[in-house]
């Protein structure tokens, strides 16, 4: 795929900006994200490269303000706050901000990084996503986390005192985790009063340490039926607590949803910079070099870190919009996707499969609005290839 640095058509819709920081203190055994451990990092070189990558994208998307910025990783809370501040300032210079822009940073809950929270807030970060992952030490040890439960809860308390909006992650359906265990852990998590929770079932991803252990017979994942029971418990408890699911694994009080992630799920345009970052702009799919050193070399050579850029077909756009949007509780507007992709609405969905799934109460169609029901979300991976016709 070749890079075509032409100016793209713009619209009045705001953009989202994703900034990838690929470095971690250690690699967790369940993680298949683009994260790397390095002995030393040249902060000045990384600042200059990220600024150059950002400037390249700004030259192609000017005239559209940013509604959100998301620092993901890796472990962005390892970034010096001064670097975060410089990147936010550059983004504002390039694009401008919508009123009340959401600026999120993913953080690890250890004491060293929590000590930076006040400085990150001063740098204009107004939302933090905290990787607690579990609330007891035995589970944290199993998950390979670098913090203990006491340290994690102290970081959460600090975050809630510093940032206007706080979310944290938990991983459930761990091996040997009973229904009573997860109910107690989730009840405790809900008691902290955050406006957003990301609750993920443990999945064994190819290429991870956990995948190796499963192949060696040293780790037995949770039974899928048990995972389904825990999922249903999760939906019931979060709904009763006023923090219902708005996406299959994400829960929020009204108004506390992640605006940045909603851009992805609603198939809006977003810019991605840094190693391995993806982007969608003006019907183009962009992908940065994944390995940090390769990305740095690309920026030095070309002024950007793009590995490939591809014009998406009408069918590609329609398919992506459906696969992302049907994860949401609100579902998708088929008329909007038809207008966005130029694929007629009648060709988006397999009508026979949809009617059969409707009879089983797994999907719901109201006019042009198609939703997967709460019961259907349990079978989402099976439903999507059946119903998506493009």
Foldseek 3Di string as FASTA:
>chain_A
DDDDLDAFDEDAAAAEEEEEDAEACDDWQQDPFLHDHDPDDDLVLVLVLQLLQVVSVLVRHEPHAHQEYEYYYHAVLVRQLVSVLVVVVSNCVSHNYDPPRAYEYEHEQAPVSLVCLQSNVVSVHAEYEYEPQFQAAVVCVVRVGPDGNVSNVVSVVSNVVRHPAYEYEYEDQAPPQALVNLLVRVVVVLVVPGFKYFYHYRDRDPPGNVVVCVVVVNGDGHDLVRVVVSLVVVQVVCVVSQFHAQFSGMTGHVPRDDPNLVCQLQVHWYHYAAAQTWTADNQKIWGFHHDRVQQSVCCVVPSHRTPDMDRHALLRQLLSNQLSNQRGQQRYQLVVSCVVSVPDSVQFWDVVLVVVCVVVVQWDDDPRGIYGDPVNSSVSVVSSVHIGRD
